[in-house]
Amino acid sequence: MKKILKYTGLSISIIMLTVSVVFIDLLINVRVVPVKYCIIAAVVLVILTAVTAFTQKWFVPGIITKIIAIIMIVVLIMGSIYLNQTRHMINKITTTQEEKIVMGVYVLNDSGYDSVDMLNNKSIGIGTAVDRESTDELIKKMGAGGFMAEYPEYSNIMELADALLQGQIDAAIMKTSSIEMIDEMGDFTGFASDVKLYIVVNLQLKWQRQKRML
């Protein structure tokens, strides 16, 4: 009888350890609590499992820890089910969408540049606040053909447009839809007619949108 209770207790310990691993894995993946607390929970569960297994040498302590372990197993299973449902819910409300962005290299009409090749080794300004991923993708595509240039950075699209108008840069990389927006600004009225587009690249970028859970 004593051996049966002992081996039963050890089996319960193994089950508890397995359920604990599943629970902690879900807890980390769902990210409902900080990782440091997940680590603390893992350590506590390992200690409880070890205590349960160790106390099976004795009859009364073994019975007590068996009961506690069974309760913990039930709690961990219920917690794992909840976390798994939460993970599926998050996956459903997180969707991957595609956005088409048209980027271009713009120069002034009176700049004298008649082709993109003439901008080789010249200064092409870029913005850092918006459309940076699209800008880098365009630069990468241009560089694939052996094209080289300097790319001074500007914190916003208005500074970039002003630098082009002032002749501080030879060209500017902008999203084509930004030209009309700049043209409507008081200090940049007529900007759309002052510049010309030499290269258009359609970029299809993937992005994730996650709805807020209320």
Protein backbone atom coordinates (compact mmCIF):
# COMPACT_ATOMS: atom_id res chain seq x y z
CA MET A 1 0.00 0.00 0.00
CA LYS A 2 2.82 2.34 0.93
CA LYS A 3 4.56 1.68 -2.40
CA ILE A 4 1.35 2.30 -4.31
CA LEU A 5 0.86 5.64 -2.58
CA LYS A 6 4.49 6.51 -3.21
CA TYR A 7 4.36 5.76 -6.93
CA THR A 8 1.00 7.49 -7.18
CA GLY A 9 2.52 10.58 -5.63
CA LEU A 10 5.48 10.48 -8.03
CA SER A 11 3.08 10.14 -10.97
CA ILE A 12 1.12 13.13 -9.73
CA SER A 13 4.40 15.07 -9.47
CA ILE A 14 5.24 14.27 -13.11
CA ILE A 15 1.76 15.35 -14.21
CA MET A 16 2.07 18.54 -12.22
CA LEU A 17 5.45 19.29 -13.79
CA THR A 18 4.08 18.71 -17.30
CA VAL A 19 1.03 20.91 -16.72
CA SER A 20 3.28 23.58 -15.18
CA VAL A 21 5.49 23.66 -18.28
CA VAL A 22 2.43 24.06 -20.53
CA PHE A 23 1.02 26.81 -18.30
CA ILE A 24 4.25 28.81 -18.15
CA ASP A 25 4.76 28.47 -21.91
CA LEU A 26 1.27 29.87 -22.57
CA LEU A 27 1.78 32.60 -19.96
CA ILE A 28 4.94 33.78 -21.72
CA ASN A 29 3.48 33.61 -25.23
CA VAL A 30 0.26 35.45 -24.37
CA ARG A 31 2.29 38.18 -22.61
CA VAL A 32 -0.35 39.04 -20.07
CA VAL A 33 2.28 39.42 -17.34
CA PRO A 34 5.94 40.53 -17.42
CA VAL A 35 8.52 37.84 -18.12
CA LYS A 36 10.13 38.26 -14.70
CA TYR A 37 6.86 37.23 -13.03
CA CYS A 38 6.61 34.25 -15.37
CA ILE A 39 10.07 33.17 -14.22
CA ILE A 40 9.08 33.57 -10.57
CA ALA A 41 5.94 31.48 -11.18
CA ALA A 42 8.01 28.80 -12.92
CA VAL A 43 10.44 28.61 -9.99
CA VAL A 44 7.57 28.33 -7.48
CA LEU A 45 5.92 25.54 -9.49
CA VAL A 46 9.19 23.63 -9.80
CA ILE A 47 9.73 23.89 -6.03
CA LEU A 48 6.18 22.68 -5.31
CA THR A 49 6.68 19.76 -7.68
CA ALA A 50 9.98 18.85 -6.05
CA VAL A 51 8.45 19.05 -2.57
CA THR A 52 5.56 16.82 -3.66
CA ALA A 53 7.93 14.21 -5.05
CA PHE A 54 10.27 14.35 -2.04
CA THR A 55 7.55 13.99 0.59
CA GLN A 56 6.31 10.73 -0.87
CA LYS A 57 8.78 8.98 1.46
CA TRP A 58 6.37 9.61 4.33
CA PHE A 59 2.73 8.67 4.62
CA VAL A 60 1.02 11.76 6.09
CA PRO A 61 3.14 14.45 4.37
CA GLY A 62 2.75 12.44 1.15
CA ILE A 63 -1.05 12.48 1.43
CA ILE A 64 -1.10 16.22 2.14
CA THR A 65 1.15 17.11 -0.79
CA LYS A 66 -0.84 14.80 -3.07
CA ILE A 67 -4.01 16.75 -2.29
CA ILE A 68 -2.25 20.08 -2.79
CA ALA A 69 -0.71 18.85 -6.05
CA ILE A 70 -4.07 17.66 -7.40
CA ILE A 71 -5.61 21.04 -6.60
CA MET A 72 -2.68 22.78 -8.32
CA ILE A 73 -3.05 20.55 -11.37
CA VAL A 74 -6.74 21.46 -11.69
CA VAL A 75 -5.94 25.16 -11.28
CA LEU A 76 -3.11 25.00 -13.83
CA ILE A 77 -5.27 23.16 -16.36
CA MET A 78 -8.04 25.74 -16.00
CA GLY A 79 -5.48 28.53 -16.27
CA SER A 80 -3.96 26.94 -19.38
CA ILE A 81 -7.39 26.66 -21.02
CA TYR A 82 -8.06 30.34 -20.30
CA LEU A 83 -4.66 31.43 -21.62
CA ASN A 84 -5.08 29.32 -24.75
CA GLN A 85 -8.47 30.92 -25.42
CA THR A 86 -6.93 34.35 -24.88
CA ARG A 87 -4.15 33.55 -27.35
CA HIS A 88 -6.66 32.48 -30.01
CA MET A 89 -8.67 35.65 -29.42
CA ILE A 90 -5.58 37.83 -29.88
CA ASN A 91 -4.67 35.95 -33.08
CA LYS A 92 -8.16 36.55 -34.47
CA ILE A 93 -8.18 40.28 -33.81
CA THR A 94 -4.66 40.73 -35.20
CA THR A 95 -4.77 40.95 -38.98
CA THR A 96 -2.03 41.40 -41.52
CA GLN A 97 -2.88 43.91 -44.21
CA GLU A 98 -1.07 45.17 -47.28
CA GLU A 99 -0.58 48.82 -48.09
CA LYS A 100 0.56 50.06 -51.48
CA ILE A 101 2.87 53.05 -51.29
CA VAL A 102 4.16 55.00 -54.28
CA MET A 103 7.55 56.62 -53.68
CA GLY A 104 9.37 58.95 -56.04
CA VAL A 105 12.58 60.91 -56.53
CA TYR A 106 11.76 64.59 -57.09
CA VAL A 107 13.91 67.41 -58.49
CA LEU A 108 13.18 71.06 -59.27
CA ASN A 109 11.94 71.82 -62.76
CA ASP A 110 14.82 74.20 -63.39
CA SER A 111 17.49 71.95 -61.86
CA GLY A 112 18.89 70.83 -65.20
CA TYR A 113 18.62 67.17 -64.28
CA ASP A 114 17.07 65.35 -67.22
CA SER A 115 17.40 61.77 -66.01
CA VAL A 116 17.83 59.77 -62.86
CA ASP A 117 21.33 58.80 -63.95
CA MET A 118 22.35 62.45 -63.64
CA LEU A 119 21.65 62.21 -59.91
CA ASN A 120 24.35 59.57 -59.47
CA ASN A 121 26.75 60.67 -56.70
CA LYS A 122 24.53 63.68 -55.98
CA SER A 123 22.67 64.63 -52.80
CA ILE A 124 19.19 63.16 -52.36
CA GLY A 125 17.38 64.17 -49.20
CA ILE A 126 15.17 61.78 -47.24
CA GLY A 127 12.73 62.16 -44.36
CA THR A 128 13.16 60.25 -41.12
CA ALA A 129 9.83 60.86 -39.39
CA VAL A 130 7.49 59.15 -41.86
CA ASP A 131 7.71 56.56 -44.65
CA ARG A 132 11.23 55.58 -43.58
CA GLU A 133 10.71 51.92 -44.38
CA SER A 134 9.43 52.80 -47.86
CA THR A 135 12.30 55.23 -48.40
CA ASP A 136 14.90 52.63 -47.44
CA GLU A 137 13.25 50.13 -49.79
CA LEU A 138 13.44 52.62 -52.68
CA ILE A 139 17.10 53.38 -51.94
CA LYS A 140 17.79 49.65 -51.91
CA LYS A 141 16.09 49.19 -55.29
CA MET A 142 18.03 52.12 -56.79
CA GLY A 143 21.32 50.84 -55.39
CA ALA A 144 20.77 47.43 -56.95
CA GLY A 145 21.48 48.98 -60.35
CA GLY A 146 24.77 50.51 -59.23
CA PHE A 147 23.24 53.90 -58.39
CA MET A 148 25.01 55.79 -55.58
CA ALA A 149 24.20 59.05 -53.81
CA GLU A 150 24.43 60.89 -50.52
CA TYR A 151 21.25 60.80 -48.45
CA PRO A 152 21.07 63.67 -45.93
CA GLU A 153 18.25 63.21 -43.45
CA TYR A 154 15.50 65.64 -42.44
CA SER A 155 13.21 65.25 -39.47
CA ASN A 156 9.98 66.03 -41.33
CA ILE A 157 8.59 66.36 -44.84
CA MET A 158 8.38 70.16 -44.68
CA GLU A 159 12.09 70.51 -43.88
CA LEU A 160 12.82 68.14 -46.73
CA ALA A 161 10.71 70.17 -49.18
CA ASP A 162 12.33 73.42 -48.02
CA ALA A 163 15.83 71.96 -48.46
CA LEU A 164 14.94 71.02 -52.04
CA LEU A 165 13.55 74.48 -52.82
CA GLN A 166 16.58 76.19 -51.26
CA GLY A 167 19.00 74.10 -53.32
CA GLN A 168 20.54 72.44 -50.27
CA ILE A 169 19.96 69.05 -51.91
CA ASP A 170 19.76 67.98 -55.55
CA ALA A 171 16.68 65.80 -55.16
CA ALA A 172 14.31 64.44 -52.55
CA ILE A 173 12.64 61.10 -51.99
CA MET A 174 8.98 61.55 -51.12
CA LYS A 175 5.73 59.69 -51.21
CA THR A 176 3.84 60.94 -54.25
CA SER A 177 0.72 61.54 -52.19
CA SER A 178 2.69 63.98 -50.01
CA ILE A 179 3.23 66.48 -52.84
CA GLU A 180 -0.33 67.79 -52.82
CA MET A 181 -0.28 68.03 -49.04
CA ILE A 182 2.91 70.13 -49.16
CA ASP A 183 1.43 72.28 -51.93
CA GLU A 184 -1.47 73.22 -49.68
CA MET A 185 0.81 74.61 -46.98
CA GLY A 186 1.02 78.41 -46.89
CA ASP A 187 4.79 78.67 -47.32
CA PHE A 188 4.91 76.01 -50.03
CA THR A 189 2.08 77.06 -52.36
CA GLY A 190 2.99 76.01 -55.89
CA PHE A 191 5.36 73.30 -54.75
CA ALA A 192 3.65 70.68 -56.93
CA SER A 193 4.36 72.74 -60.06
CA ASP A 194 7.95 73.50 -59.01
CA VAL A 195 9.04 69.88 -58.93
CA LYS A 196 9.07 66.97 -61.36
CA LEU A 197 9.10 63.26 -60.76
CA TYR A 198 11.76 61.05 -62.33
CA ILE A 199 11.19 57.64 -60.84
CA VAL A 200 8.15 55.93 -59.41
CA VAL A 201 8.37 52.72 -57.45
CA ASN A 202 5.32 50.86 -56.21
CA LEU A 203 6.09 49.33 -52.85
CA GLN A 204 3.77 46.77 -51.30
CA LEU A 205 4.41 46.67 -47.58
CA LYS A 206 2.84 44.38 -45.01
CA TRP A 207 1.78 45.80 -41.70
CA GLN A 208 -0.15 44.55 -38.69
CA ARG A 209 -3.16 46.17 -37.10
CA GLN A 210 -4.31 45.06 -33.69
CA LYS A 211 -7.71 46.17 -32.47
CA ARG A 212 -7.92 47.29 -28.88
CA MET A 213 -9.65 44.93 -26.51
CA LEU A 214 -12.29 46.86 -24.62
